C-alpha atoms as a PDB file:
ATOM      1  CA  MET A   1      28.507 318.435 112.861  1.00  0.00           C
ATOM      2  CA  SER A   2      31.153 318.551 116.044  1.00  0.00           C
ATOM      3  CA  LEU A   3      34.931 317.510 115.100  1.00  0.00           C
ATOM      4  CA  MET A   4      35.032 315.594 118.589  1.00  0.00           C
ATOM      5  CA  SER A   5      34.740 312.170 118.354  1.00  0.00           C
ATOM      6  CA  GLU A   6      31.702 310.213 120.054  1.00  0.00           C
ATOM      7  CA  PRO A   7      32.652 308.836 123.572  1.00  0.00           C
ATOM      8  CA  GLY A   8      33.838 305.223 122.855  1.00  0.00           C
ATOM      9  CA  ALA A   9      34.721 305.533 119.660  1.00  0.00           C
ATOM     10  CA  THR A  10      38.069 304.017 118.687  1.00  0.00           C
ATOM     11  CA  LYS A  11      40.823 305.607 116.940  1.00  0.00           C
ATOM     12  CA  THR A  12      42.051 304.313 113.889  1.00  0.00           C
ATOM     13  CA  SER A  13      45.160 305.717 112.237  1.00  0.00           C
ATOM     14  CA  ARG A  14      46.536 304.505 108.609  1.00  0.00           C
ATOM     15  CA  TYR A  15      50.395 305.934 109.781  1.00  0.00           C
ATOM     16  CA  HIS A  16      51.840 305.358 112.713  1.00  0.00           C
ATOM     17  CA  ILE A  17      54.876 307.702 113.874  1.00  0.00           C
ATOM     18  CA  GLU A  18      57.337 306.381 116.060  1.00  0.00           C
ATOM     19  CA  ASP A  19      59.084 308.640 119.112  1.00  0.00           C
ATOM     20  CA  ARG A  20      62.510 307.833 117.640  1.00  0.00           C
ATOM     21  CA  PRO A  21      63.580 305.496 114.864  1.00  0.00           C
ATOM     22  CA  ARG A  22      63.284 301.960 115.214  1.00  0.00           C
ATOM     23  CA  PHE A  23      66.293 300.143 116.592  1.00  0.00           C
ATOM     24  CA  ARG A  24      68.687 297.801 114.202  1.00  0.00           C
ATOM     25  CA  PRO A  25      71.789 295.757 114.648  1.00  0.00           C
ATOM     26  CA  VAL A  26      73.063 297.124 110.940  1.00  0.00           C
ATOM     27  CA  ASP A  27      72.758 300.428 112.147  1.00  0.00           C
ATOM     28  CA  LEU A  28      75.586 300.174 114.377  1.00  0.00           C
ATOM     29  CA  LEU A  29      77.911 299.554 111.357  1.00  0.00           C
ATOM     30  CA  ARG A  30      77.336 303.226 110.492  1.00  0.00           C
ATOM     31  CA  HIS A  31      79.401 304.307 113.732  1.00  0.00           C
ATOM     32  CA  TRP A  32      83.133 304.229 113.343  1.00  0.00           C
ATOM     33  CA  GLU A  33      83.927 303.202 116.854  1.00  0.00           C
ATOM     34  CA  TYR A  34      81.868 300.051 116.150  1.00  0.00           C
ATOM     35  CA  LEU A  35      83.399 299.343 113.170  1.00  0.00           C
ATOM     36  CA  LEU A  36      86.436 299.490 114.219  1.00  0.00           C
ATOM     37  CA  ALA A  37      85.425 297.142 117.326  1.00  0.00           C
ATOM     38  CA  VAL A  38      84.706 294.669 114.932  1.00  0.00           C
ATOM     39  CA  LEU A  39      87.881 295.305 113.263  1.00  0.00           C
ATOM     40  CA  LEU A  40      89.562 294.630 116.678  1.00  0.00           C
ATOM     41  CA  LEU A  41      87.605 291.558 116.933  1.00  0.00           C
ATOM     42  CA  ALA A  42      88.263 290.413 113.689  1.00  0.00           C
ATOM     43  CA  VAL A  43      92.021 290.584 114.398  1.00  0.00           C
ATOM     44  CA  LEU A  44      92.156 288.980 116.766  1.00  0.00           C
ATOM     45  CA  ALA A  45      89.650 285.940 116.355  1.00  0.00           C
ATOM     46  CA  ILE A  46      92.233 285.549 112.524  1.00  0.00           C
ATOM     47  CA  ASN A  47      95.576 285.963 114.537  1.00  0.00           C
ATOM     48  CA  GLY A  48      94.318 283.607 117.623  1.00  0.00           C
ATOM     49  CA  LEU A  49      93.432 280.916 114.553  1.00  0.00           C
ATOM     50  CA  LEU A  50      96.653 281.304 112.695  1.00  0.00           C
ATOM     51  CA  LEU A  51      99.027 282.333 115.699  1.00  0.00           C
ATOM     52  CA  PRO A  52      99.407 279.686 118.360  1.00  0.00           C
ATOM     53  CA  HIS A  53     100.601 281.520 121.248  1.00  0.00           C
ATOM     54  CA  PHE A  54      98.538 284.798 119.884  1.00  0.00           C
ATOM     55  CA  LEU A  55      95.839 284.491 122.984  1.00  0.00           C
ATOM     56  CA  ASP A  56      98.665 283.642 125.749  1.00  0.00           C
ATOM     57  CA  PRO A  57      97.315 285.942 128.611  1.00  0.00           C
ATOM     58  CA  TYR A  58     100.960 287.156 128.962  1.00  0.00           C
ATOM     59  CA  ASN A  59     101.828 287.356 125.716  1.00  0.00           C
ATOM     60  CA  LEU A  60      98.932 289.845 125.027  1.00  0.00           C
ATOM     61  CA  ALA A  61      99.799 291.558 127.963  1.00  0.00           C
ATOM     62  CA  ASP A  62     103.401 291.453 127.286  1.00  0.00           C
ATOM     63  CA  SER A  63     102.377 293.438 123.717  1.00  0.00           C
ATOM     64  CA  THR A  64     102.053 296.545 125.338  1.00  0.00           C
ATOM     65  CA  PHE A  65     104.532 297.374 126.057  1.00  0.00           C
ATOM     66  CA  ASN A  66     105.396 297.990 122.348  1.00  0.00           C
ATOM     67  CA  PHE A  67     102.506 300.896 121.727  1.00  0.00           C
ATOM     68  CA  SER A  68     101.824 301.996 125.115  1.00  0.00           C
ATOM     69  CA  GLU A  69     104.202 305.017 124.962  1.00  0.00           C
ATOM     70  CA  LYS A  70     102.878 306.310 121.004  1.00  0.00           C
ATOM     71  CA  ALA A  71      99.329 305.891 123.081  1.00  0.00           C
ATOM     72  CA  LEU A  72     100.034 307.782 125.345  1.00  0.00           C
ATOM     73  CA  ILE A  73     100.786 310.590 122.609  1.00  0.00           C
ATOM     74  CA  ALA A  74      98.205 309.723 120.114  1.00  0.00           C
ATOM     75  CA  LEU A  75      95.732 311.119 123.198  1.00  0.00           C
ATOM     76  CA  PRO A  76      96.925 314.971 122.849  1.00  0.00           C
ATOM     77  CA  MET A  77      97.760 314.387 119.297  1.00  0.00           C
ATOM     78  CA  ALA A  78      93.507 313.797 118.793  1.00  0.00           C
ATOM     79  CA  LEU A  79      92.914 316.999 120.891  1.00  0.00           C
ATOM     80  CA  LEU A  80      95.231 318.774 118.282  1.00  0.00           C
ATOM     81  CA  ILE A  81      94.120 317.203 115.430  1.00  0.00           C
ATOM     82  CA  ILE A  82      90.398 317.830 116.156  1.00  0.00           C
ATOM     83  CA  CYS A  83      91.226 321.730 116.930  1.00  0.00           C
ATOM     84  CA  ARG A  84      92.734 321.842 113.293  1.00  0.00           C
ATOM     85  CA  GLU A  85      96.627 321.540 114.159  1.00  0.00           C
ATOM     86  CA  ILE A  86      98.816 319.344 114.102  1.00  0.00           C
ATOM     87  CA  ASP A  87     102.358 318.167 115.442  1.00  0.00           C
ATOM     88  CA  ILE A  88     104.819 316.506 113.406  1.00  0.00           C
ATOM     89  CA  SER A  89     107.454 317.259 116.132  1.00  0.00           C
ATOM     90  CA  VAL A  90     106.288 314.768 119.062  1.00  0.00           C
ATOM     91  CA  ALA A  91     109.162 311.947 118.320  1.00  0.00           C
ATOM     92  CA  ALA A  92     111.975 314.376 118.062  1.00  0.00           C
ATOM     93  CA  ILE A  93     110.445 315.880 121.814  1.00  0.00           C
ATOM     94  CA  ILE A  94     110.605 312.297 123.297  1.00  0.00           C
ATOM     95  CA  ALA A  95     114.161 312.063 121.623  1.00  0.00           C
ATOM     96  CA  LEU A  96     115.157 315.916 123.561  1.00  0.00           C
ATOM     97  CA  ALA A  97     113.528 314.832 126.441  1.00  0.00           C
ATOM     98  CA  SER A  98     115.520 311.462 127.057  1.00  0.00           C
ATOM     99  CA  VAL A  99     118.508 313.571 126.493  1.00  0.00           C
ATOM    100  CA  ALA A 100     117.964 315.919 128.646  1.00  0.00           C
ATOM    101  CA  MET A 101     117.374 313.101 131.395  1.00  0.00           C
ATOM    102  CA  GLY A 102     120.544 311.074 130.515  1.00  0.00           C
ATOM    103  CA  VAL A 103     122.264 314.920 130.814  1.00  0.00           C
ATOM    104  CA  ALA A 104     120.731 315.480 134.277  1.00  0.00           C
ATOM    105  CA  ASN A 105     121.515 311.694 135.774  1.00  0.00           C
ATOM    106  CA  GLN A 106     124.716 312.443 134.941  1.00  0.00           C
ATOM    107  CA  HIS A 107     124.840 315.275 137.256  1.00  0.00           C
ATOM    108  CA  GLY A 108     123.430 313.420 140.297  1.00  0.00           C
ATOM    109  CA  VAL A 109     119.611 314.366 140.315  1.00  0.00           C
ATOM    110  CA  PRO A 110     117.416 311.595 141.832  1.00  0.00           C
ATOM    111  CA  PRO A 111     115.513 309.434 140.169  1.00  0.00           C
ATOM    112  CA  VAL A 112     112.436 311.173 140.641  1.00  0.00           C
ATOM    113  CA  GLY A 113     113.577 314.744 139.330  1.00  0.00           C
ATOM    114  CA  LEU A 114     114.274 312.910 136.144  1.00  0.00           C
ATOM    115  CA  PHE A 115     110.387 312.414 135.938  1.00  0.00           C
ATOM    116  CA  ALA A 116     110.317 316.245 136.174  1.00  0.00           C
ATOM    117  CA  VAL A 117     113.162 316.970 133.880  1.00  0.00           C
ATOM    118  CA  GLY A 118     111.691 314.867 130.996  1.00  0.00           C
ATOM    119  CA  VAL A 119     107.889 316.220 131.526  1.00  0.00           C
ATOM    120  CA  ALA A 120     109.801 319.520 131.626  1.00  0.00           C
ATOM    121  CA  THR A 121     111.506 319.455 128.825  1.00  0.00           C
ATOM    122  CA  GLY A 122     108.616 317.844 126.475  1.00  0.00           C
ATOM    123  CA  THR A 123     106.622 321.012 127.879  1.00  0.00           C
ATOM    124  CA  LEU A 124     109.210 323.493 127.249  1.00  0.00           C
ATOM    125  CA  CYS A 125     109.145 322.041 123.091  1.00  0.00           C
ATOM    126  CA  GLY A 126     105.584 322.171 123.205  1.00  0.00           C
ATOM    127  CA  LEU A 127     105.234 325.429 123.941  1.00  0.00           C
ATOM    128  CA  LEU A 128     108.121 326.800 121.311  1.00  0.00           C
ATOM    129  CA  ASN A 129     105.475 325.062 119.131  1.00  0.00           C
ATOM    130  CA  GLY A 130     102.172 326.362 120.181  1.00  0.00           C
ATOM    131  CA  VAL A 131     103.908 330.182 120.139  1.00  0.00           C
ATOM    132  CA  LEU A 132     105.042 330.317 116.954  1.00  0.00           C
ATOM    133  CA  VAL A 133     101.998 329.147 115.670  1.00  0.00           C
ATOM    134  CA  THR A 134      99.958 331.156 117.938  1.00  0.00           C
ATOM    135  CA  ARG A 135     101.925 334.509 118.083  1.00  0.00           C
ATOM    136  CA  LEU A 136     103.205 334.491 114.719  1.00  0.00           C
ATOM    137  CA  ALA A 137     100.082 332.798 113.391  1.00  0.00           C
ATOM    138  CA  LEU A 138     102.021 330.139 111.463  1.00  0.00           C
ATOM    139  CA  PRO A 139     101.128 327.019 110.217  1.00  0.00           C
ATOM    140  CA  SER A 140     101.815 324.429 112.630  1.00  0.00           C
ATOM    141  CA  ILE A 141     102.793 321.849 109.876  1.00  0.00           C
ATOM    142  CA  VAL A 142     105.356 324.223 108.906  1.00  0.00           C
ATOM    143  CA  VAL A 143     106.469 324.882 112.537  1.00  0.00           C
ATOM    144  CA  THR A 144     106.431 321.697 113.559  1.00  0.00           C
ATOM    145  CA  ILE A 145     108.196 319.746 110.990  1.00  0.00           C
ATOM    146  CA  GLY A 146     111.241 322.847 111.424  1.00  0.00           C
ATOM    147  CA  SER A 147     110.987 321.893 115.328  1.00  0.00           C
ATOM    148  CA  MET A 148     111.286 318.046 114.600  1.00  0.00           C
ATOM    149  CA  SER A 149     114.371 319.117 112.956  1.00  0.00           C
ATOM    150  CA  LEU A 150     115.458 321.330 115.628  1.00  0.00           C
ATOM    151  CA  PHE A 151     114.783 319.130 118.520  1.00  0.00           C
ATOM    152  CA  ARG A 152     116.732 315.904 116.933  1.00  0.00           C
ATOM    153  CA  GLY A 153     119.423 317.754 116.019  1.00  0.00           C
ATOM    154  CA  LEU A 154     120.415 319.018 119.463  1.00  0.00           C
ATOM    155  CA  ALA A 155     119.640 315.715 120.517  1.00  0.00           C
ATOM    156  CA  SER A 156     122.249 314.554 118.382  1.00  0.00           C
ATOM    157  CA  VAL A 157     124.869 317.111 119.282  1.00  0.00           C
ATOM    158  CA  VAL A 158     124.531 316.510 122.707  1.00  0.00           C
ATOM    159  CA  LEU A 159     124.978 312.847 122.829  1.00  0.00           C
ATOM    160  CA  GLY A 160     127.406 312.306 119.540  1.00  0.00           C
ATOM    161  CA  ASP A 161     128.560 309.116 119.074  1.00  0.00           C
ATOM    162  CA  GLN A 162     127.337 307.897 122.536  1.00  0.00           C
ATOM    163  CA  ALA A 163     124.391 306.294 124.555  1.00  0.00           C
ATOM    164  CA  PHE A 164     123.349 307.800 127.890  1.00  0.00           C
ATOM    165  CA  THR A 165     122.761 304.487 129.515  1.00  0.00           C
ATOM    166  CA  SER A 166     123.006 303.382 133.547  1.00  0.00           C
ATOM    167  CA  TYR A 167     119.469 305.009 134.850  1.00  0.00           C
ATOM    168  CA  PRO A 168     118.238 304.140 137.835  1.00  0.00           C
ATOM    169  CA  GLU A 169     115.843 301.169 138.740  1.00  0.00           C
ATOM    170  CA  LEU A 170     112.986 303.676 139.703  1.00  0.00           C
ATOM    171  CA  LEU A 171     112.764 304.289 136.048  1.00  0.00           C
ATOM    172  CA  SER A 172     113.028 300.847 135.149  1.00  0.00           C
ATOM    173  CA  ASP A 173     110.634 300.105 137.312  1.00  0.00           C
ATOM    174  CA  TRP A 174     108.194 301.914 135.489  1.00  0.00           C
ATOM    175  CA  GLY A 175     109.018 301.142 131.892  1.00  0.00           C
ATOM    176  CA  GLN A 176     109.388 297.772 132.424  1.00  0.00           C
ATOM    177  CA  GLY A 177     107.684 296.780 135.533  1.00  0.00           C
ATOM    178  CA  TYR A 178     104.375 295.093 136.358  1.00  0.00           C
ATOM    179  CA  PHE A 179     101.320 295.665 137.983  1.00  0.00           C
ATOM    180  CA  PHE A 180     100.570 292.505 140.178  1.00  0.00           C
ATOM    181  CA  ASP A 181     103.251 290.744 138.393  1.00  0.00           C
ATOM    182  CA  VAL A 182     100.706 290.378 135.548  1.00  0.00           C
ATOM    183  CA  ILE A 183      99.721 294.167 133.562  1.00  0.00           C
ATOM    184  CA  PRO A 184     102.304 296.182 132.458  1.00  0.00           C
ATOM    185  CA  ARG A 185     102.601 299.291 134.184  1.00  0.00           C
ATOM    186  CA  PRO A 186     103.145 302.023 130.938  1.00  0.00           C
ATOM    187  CA  PHE A 187      99.787 300.634 129.909  1.00  0.00           C
ATOM    188  CA  VAL A 188      97.875 301.259 133.137  1.00  0.00           C
ATOM    189  CA  VAL A 189      98.998 304.713 132.643  1.00  0.00           C
ATOM    190  CA  TRP A 190      97.817 305.085 129.370  1.00  0.00           C
ATOM    191  CA  LEU A 191      94.261 303.640 130.548  1.00  0.00           C
ATOM    192  CA  VAL A 192      94.257 306.195 133.194  1.00  0.00           C
ATOM    193  CA  VAL A 193      95.412 309.189 131.155  1.00  0.00           C
ATOM    194  CA  ALA A 194      92.926 308.011 128.537  1.00  0.00           C
ATOM    195  CA  ALA A 195      90.115 307.998 131.147  1.00  0.00           C
ATOM    196  CA  LEU A 196      91.016 311.547 132.280  1.00  0.00           C
ATOM    197  CA  PHE A 197      91.489 313.087 128.549  1.00  0.00           C
ATOM    198  CA  ALA A 198      87.425 311.227 128.002  1.00  0.00           C
ATOM    199  CA  LEU A 199      86.489 313.004 130.732  1.00  0.00           C
ATOM    200  CA  ALA A 200      87.907 316.196 129.597  1.00  0.00           C
ATOM    201  CA  LEU A 201      86.976 315.992 125.835  1.00  0.00           C
ATOM    202  CA  HIS A 202      83.246 315.153 126.362  1.00  0.00           C
ATOM    203  CA  GLY A 203      82.404 315.621 129.627  1.00  0.00           C
ATOM    204  CA  THR A 204      83.274 319.244 130.167  1.00  0.00           C
ATOM    205  CA  ARG A 205      82.967 323.092 128.823  1.00  0.00           C
ATOM    206  CA  TRP A 206      86.486 323.126 127.865  1.00  0.00           C
ATOM    207  CA  GLY A 207      86.224 320.063 125.592  1.00  0.00           C
ATOM    208  CA  ARG A 208      83.087 321.536 123.911  1.00  0.00           C
ATOM    209  CA  ARG A 209      84.860 324.303 123.537  1.00  0.00           C
ATOM    210  CA  ILE A 210      87.628 322.239 121.658  1.00  0.00           C
ATOM    211  CA  TYR A 211      85.133 320.721 119.230  1.00  0.00           C
ATOM    212  CA  ALA A 212      84.086 324.600 118.295  1.00  0.00           C
ATOM    213  CA  ILE A 213      87.218 325.857 117.471  1.00  0.00           C
ATOM    214  CA  GLY A 214      88.030 322.550 115.297  1.00  0.00           C
ATOM    215  CA  ASN A 215      84.636 323.089 113.364  1.00  0.00           C
ATOM    216  CA  ASN A 216      84.539 326.990 112.820  1.00  0.00           C
ATOM    217  CA  PRO A 217      87.401 328.958 114.569  1.00  0.00           C
ATOM    218  CA  VAL A 218      86.210 332.283 113.359  1.00  0.00           C
ATOM    219  CA  ALA A 219      83.126 331.752 114.853  1.00  0.00           C
ATOM    220  CA  ALA A 220      84.182 330.155 118.014  1.00  0.00           C
ATOM    221  CA  ARG A 221      86.536 333.724 118.427  1.00  0.00           C
ATOM    222  CA  PHE A 222      82.886 335.383 117.697  1.00  0.00           C
ATOM    223  CA  SER A 223      81.741 333.418 120.629  1.00  0.00           C
ATOM    224  CA  GLY A 224      84.347 334.503 123.099  1.00  0.00           C
ATOM    225  CA  ILE A 225      85.914 331.515 123.089  1.00  0.00           C
ATOM    226  CA  ALA A 226      90.395 332.206 123.622  1.00  0.00           C
ATOM    227  CA  VAL A 227      91.008 330.440 120.826  1.00  0.00           C
ATOM    228  CA  ASP A 228      94.784 331.180 120.851  1.00  0.00           C
ATOM    229  CA  ARG A 229      95.203 330.255 124.499  1.00  0.00           C
ATOM    230  CA  TYR A 230      93.471 326.420 123.611  1.00  0.00           C
ATOM    231  CA  ARG A 231      95.992 325.833 120.948  1.00  0.00           C
ATOM    232  CA  LEU A 232      99.048 327.102 123.087  1.00  0.00           C
ATOM    233  CA  ALA A 233      97.590 324.644 125.558  1.00  0.00           C
ATOM    234  CA  LEU A 234      97.231 321.914 123.401  1.00  0.00           C
ATOM    235  CA  PHE A 235     100.541 322.288 122.424  1.00  0.00           C
ATOM    236  CA  ALA A 236     101.733 322.483 125.666  1.00  0.00           C
ATOM    237  CA  LEU A 237      99.878 319.422 126.809  1.00  0.00           C
ATOM    238  CA  THR A 238     101.031 317.485 123.600  1.00  0.00           C
ATOM    239  CA  GLY A 239     104.706 318.281 124.981  1.00  0.00           C
ATOM    240  CA  ALA A 240     103.998 317.442 128.462  1.00  0.00           C
ATOM    241  CA  MET A 241     102.666 313.868 126.700  1.00  0.00           C
ATOM    242  CA  ALA A 242     105.518 313.561 125.057  1.00  0.00           C
ATOM    243  CA  GLY A 243     108.241 314.278 127.590  1.00  0.00           C
ATOM    244  CA  LEU A 244     105.964 311.585 130.068  1.00  0.00           C
ATOM    245  CA  ALA A 245     106.243 308.861 127.066  1.00  0.00           C
ATOM    246  CA  ALA A 246     110.237 309.247 126.890  1.00  0.00           C
ATOM    247  CA  CYS A 247     110.380 308.735 130.927  1.00  0.00           C
ATOM    248  CA  LEU A 248     108.488 305.166 130.294  1.00  0.00           C
ATOM    249  CA  LEU A 249     110.369 304.311 126.854  1.00  0.00           C
ATOM    250  CA  THR A 250     113.825 305.235 128.463  1.00  0.00           C
ATOM    251  CA  GLY A 251     113.199 303.240 131.570  1.00  0.00           C
ATOM    252  CA  ARG A 252     111.820 300.240 129.229  1.00  0.00           C
ATOM    253  CA  ILE A 253     114.637 300.224 126.647  1.00  0.00           C
ATOM    254  CA  GLY A 254     117.552 301.560 129.601  1.00  0.00           C
ATOM    255  CA  SER A 255     119.252 303.665 127.637  1.00  0.00           C
ATOM    256  CA  THR A 256     119.132 307.105 125.403  1.00  0.00           C
ATOM    257  CA  ARG A 257     120.484 306.842 121.645  1.00  0.00           C
ATOM    258  CA  PRO A 258     120.118 309.020 118.954  1.00  0.00           C
ATOM    259  CA  ASN A 259     117.634 307.239 116.302  1.00  0.00           C
ATOM    260  CA  ILE A 260     115.160 306.791 119.962  1.00  0.00           C
ATOM    261  CA  ALA A 261     111.597 306.996 119.165  1.00  0.00           C
ATOM    262  CA  MET A 262     113.006 307.365 115.009  1.00  0.00           C
ATOM    263  CA  GLY A 263     109.670 307.581 112.595  1.00  0.00           C
ATOM    264  CA  TRP A 264     107.002 307.259 115.744  1.00  0.00           C
ATOM    265  CA  GLU A 265     104.939 310.460 114.332  1.00  0.00           C
ATOM    266  CA  LEU A 266     103.537 308.978 111.126  1.00  0.00           C
ATOM    267  CA  GLU A 267     102.449 305.747 113.292  1.00  0.00           C
ATOM    268  CA  VAL A 268     100.815 308.550 115.958  1.00  0.00           C
ATOM    269  CA  ILE A 269      99.310 310.572 113.428  1.00  0.00           C
ATOM    270  CA  THR A 270      97.570 307.286 111.757  1.00  0.00           C
ATOM    271  CA  VAL A 271      96.213 305.902 114.821  1.00  0.00           C
ATOM    272  CA  VAL A 272      94.518 308.812 115.780  1.00  0.00           C
ATOM    273  CA  ILE A 273      92.888 309.244 111.991  1.00  0.00           C
ATOM    274  CA  LEU A 274      92.235 305.304 112.138  1.00  0.00           C
ATOM    275  CA  GLY A 275      90.454 306.304 115.300  1.00  0.00           C
ATOM    276  CA  GLY A 276      87.630 307.980 113.336  1.00  0.00           C
ATOM    277  CA  VAL A 277      89.458 312.067 114.296  1.00  0.00           C
ATOM    278  CA  SER A 278      89.321 313.944 110.942  1.00  0.00           C
ATOM    279  CA  ILE A 279      91.765 315.709 109.497  1.00  0.00           C
ATOM    280  CA  ALA A 280      90.068 318.570 108.774  1.00  0.00           C
ATOM    281  CA  GLY A 281      89.149 318.939 112.746  1.00  0.00           C
ATOM    282  CA  GLY A 282      85.884 319.447 114.607  1.00  0.00           C
ATOM    283  CA  ILE A 283      85.116 315.355 114.532  1.00  0.00           C
ATOM    284  CA  GLY A 284      86.799 312.490 116.714  1.00  0.00           C
ATOM    285  CA  THR A 285      86.278 310.783 119.908  1.00  0.00           C
ATOM    286  CA  ILE A 286      89.009 309.254 122.724  1.00  0.00           C
ATOM    287  CA  GLY A 287      87.023 306.020 122.462  1.00  0.00           C
ATOM    288  CA  GLY A 288      87.589 305.454 118.699  1.00  0.00           C
ATOM    289  CA  VAL A 289      91.258 306.843 119.323  1.00  0.00           C
ATOM    290  CA  MET A 290      91.849 304.158 121.859  1.00  0.00           C
ATOM    291  CA  LEU A 291      90.590 301.211 119.688  1.00  0.00           C
ATOM    292  CA  ALA A 292      92.598 302.465 116.921  1.00  0.00           C
ATOM    293  CA  VAL A 293      95.737 301.520 119.134  1.00  0.00           C
ATOM    294  CA  LEU A 294      94.929 298.194 120.301  1.00  0.00           C
ATOM    295  CA  THR A 295      93.687 297.394 117.023  1.00  0.00           C
ATOM    296  CA  MET A 296      97.203 298.105 115.425  1.00  0.00           C
ATOM    297  CA  GLY A 297      98.591 297.026 118.363  1.00  0.00           C
ATOM    298  CA  MET A 298      97.378 293.830 117.660  1.00  0.00           C
ATOM    299  CA  VAL A 299      97.821 293.950 114.512  1.00  0.00           C
ATOM    300  CA  THR A 300     101.703 294.786 115.308  1.00  0.00           C
ATOM    301  CA  TYR A 301     102.086 292.120 117.620  1.00  0.00           C
ATOM    302  CA  GLY A 302     100.806 289.446 115.046  1.00  0.00           C
ATOM    303  CA  LEU A 303     103.129 290.419 112.639  1.00  0.00           C
ATOM    304  CA  ALA A 304     106.153 290.016 115.046  1.00  0.00           C
ATOM    305  CA  LEU A 305     105.069 286.209 116.421  1.00  0.00           C
ATOM    306  CA  ALA A 306     104.315 285.374 112.537  1.00  0.00           C
ATOM    307  CA  ASN A 307     108.023 286.734 111.883  1.00  0.00           C
ATOM    308  CA  ILE A 308     107.518 288.824 109.330  1.00  0.00           C
ATOM    309  CA  PRO A 309     109.815 292.143 108.575  1.00  0.00           C
ATOM    310  CA  GLY A 310     109.445 295.468 110.332  1.00  0.00           C
ATOM    311  CA  ILE A 311     109.296 296.868 106.699  1.00  0.00           C
ATOM    312  CA  ILE A 312     106.113 295.532 106.019  1.00  0.00           C
ATOM    313  CA  MET A 313     104.385 297.252 109.252  1.00  0.00           C
ATOM    314  CA  THR A 314     105.403 300.572 107.680  1.00  0.00           C
ATOM    315  CA  ILE A 315     103.985 299.705 104.123  1.00  0.00           C
ATOM    316  CA  VAL A 316     100.619 298.772 106.512  1.00  0.00           C
ATOM    317  CA  VAL A 317     101.419 301.854 108.563  1.00  0.00           C
ATOM    318  CA  GLY A 318     101.997 303.823 105.261  1.00  0.00           C
ATOM    319  CA  ALA A 319      98.468 302.216 103.518  1.00  0.00           C
ATOM    320  CA  LEU A 320      95.964 302.744 106.622  1.00  0.00           C
ATOM    321  CA  LEU A 321      97.035 306.622 106.561  1.00  0.00           C
ATOM    322  CA  LEU A 322      96.374 306.815 103.176  1.00  0.00           C
ATOM    323  CA  VAL A 323      92.990 304.880 102.953  1.00  0.00           C
ATOM    324  CA  THR A 324      91.619 306.341 106.736  1.00  0.00           C
ATOM    325  CA  ILE A 325      92.326 309.617 105.066  1.00  0.00           C
ATOM    326  CA  ALA A 326      90.620 308.506 101.438  1.00  0.00           C
ATOM    327  CA  VAL A 327      87.807 306.493 102.778  1.00  0.00           C
ATOM    328  CA  PRO A 328      85.551 309.290 104.583  1.00  0.00           C
ATOM    329  CA  ARG A 329      86.349 312.015 102.158  1.00  0.00           C
ATOM    330  CA  LEU A 330      85.310 309.328  99.446  1.00  0.00           C
ATOM    331  CA  LEU A 331      82.218 308.907 101.242  1.00  0.00           C
ATOM    332  CA  SER A 332      80.952 312.508 101.820  1.00  0.00           C
ATOM    333  CA  GLY A 333      81.548 312.848  98.279  1.00  0.00           C
ATOM    334  CA  ARG A 334      78.459 310.168  97.713  1.00  0.00           C
ATOM    335  CA  ARG A 335      76.408 311.374 100.398  1.00  0.00           C
ATOM    336  CA  SER A 336      76.851 315.147  98.375  1.00  0.00           C
ATOM    337  CA  ARG A 337      75.822 313.868  95.268  1.00  0.00           C
END
């Protein structure tokens, strides 16, 4: 008996196996980024219905001033958390960098030099955090809580009861200005930097190694990855971005005060975790962080238009932080059961 079928015979099979699963629209909701996109659209739709001037293009453009500096810090913070580290001192770095710019301005440093002073101060602060974490093997959360008090204290000692003002026009042009009289410059800066971060994290070997470190630092070290070098570089990068945010924020408000950027670290961490970055490390995307930034920004903008007190926003931020940490843990527990 031959096992070969006769020529011309039709082949029938009881089962049909597809090369890949059939696409269903509901599958999109299993991805955190798509859920955030749906949430962003819902926030825009609800606020647009309830608030008459919410969807005005000029109002929407101006609303980005309120979150662009925080969004800049969220990008390197996402990389740090993916790498199983964290930096609680970012807001204090902004304060110290702004104070350094004020001192430099009083000593006649040219406007372009003020940007260099701000970024350099932030980078040095980040390097200090990174050295303490990598060389002394200290937990990053403990190190950065201590450095937060150190940096904020130094800024307060230098400032005292006064405030630095009379910054050059170039600084205010970048902090308050527009491209084509429509798009705020800080927002464009954030978009450009976010594109660079996305390319580095998702399209280079450097980014793949960050994921490897976040998933298993010990295995990454045995694979030949210089884990401490990457961590040190990420802390320095976070400090540099905080310094850049200090330049834009100082230009926007036109002064340096002791309480500048107070409490921003909680909002930045909330946005990063809301964007799908796992607090346990190894998971997260720049796209998710950008969607979270826009969602939180639109929520804040809507609350401001509705004249809701700022303390309500603090409650919303705290609740979102708890929910975004607890929900993935609950879902993973249900899957394991």
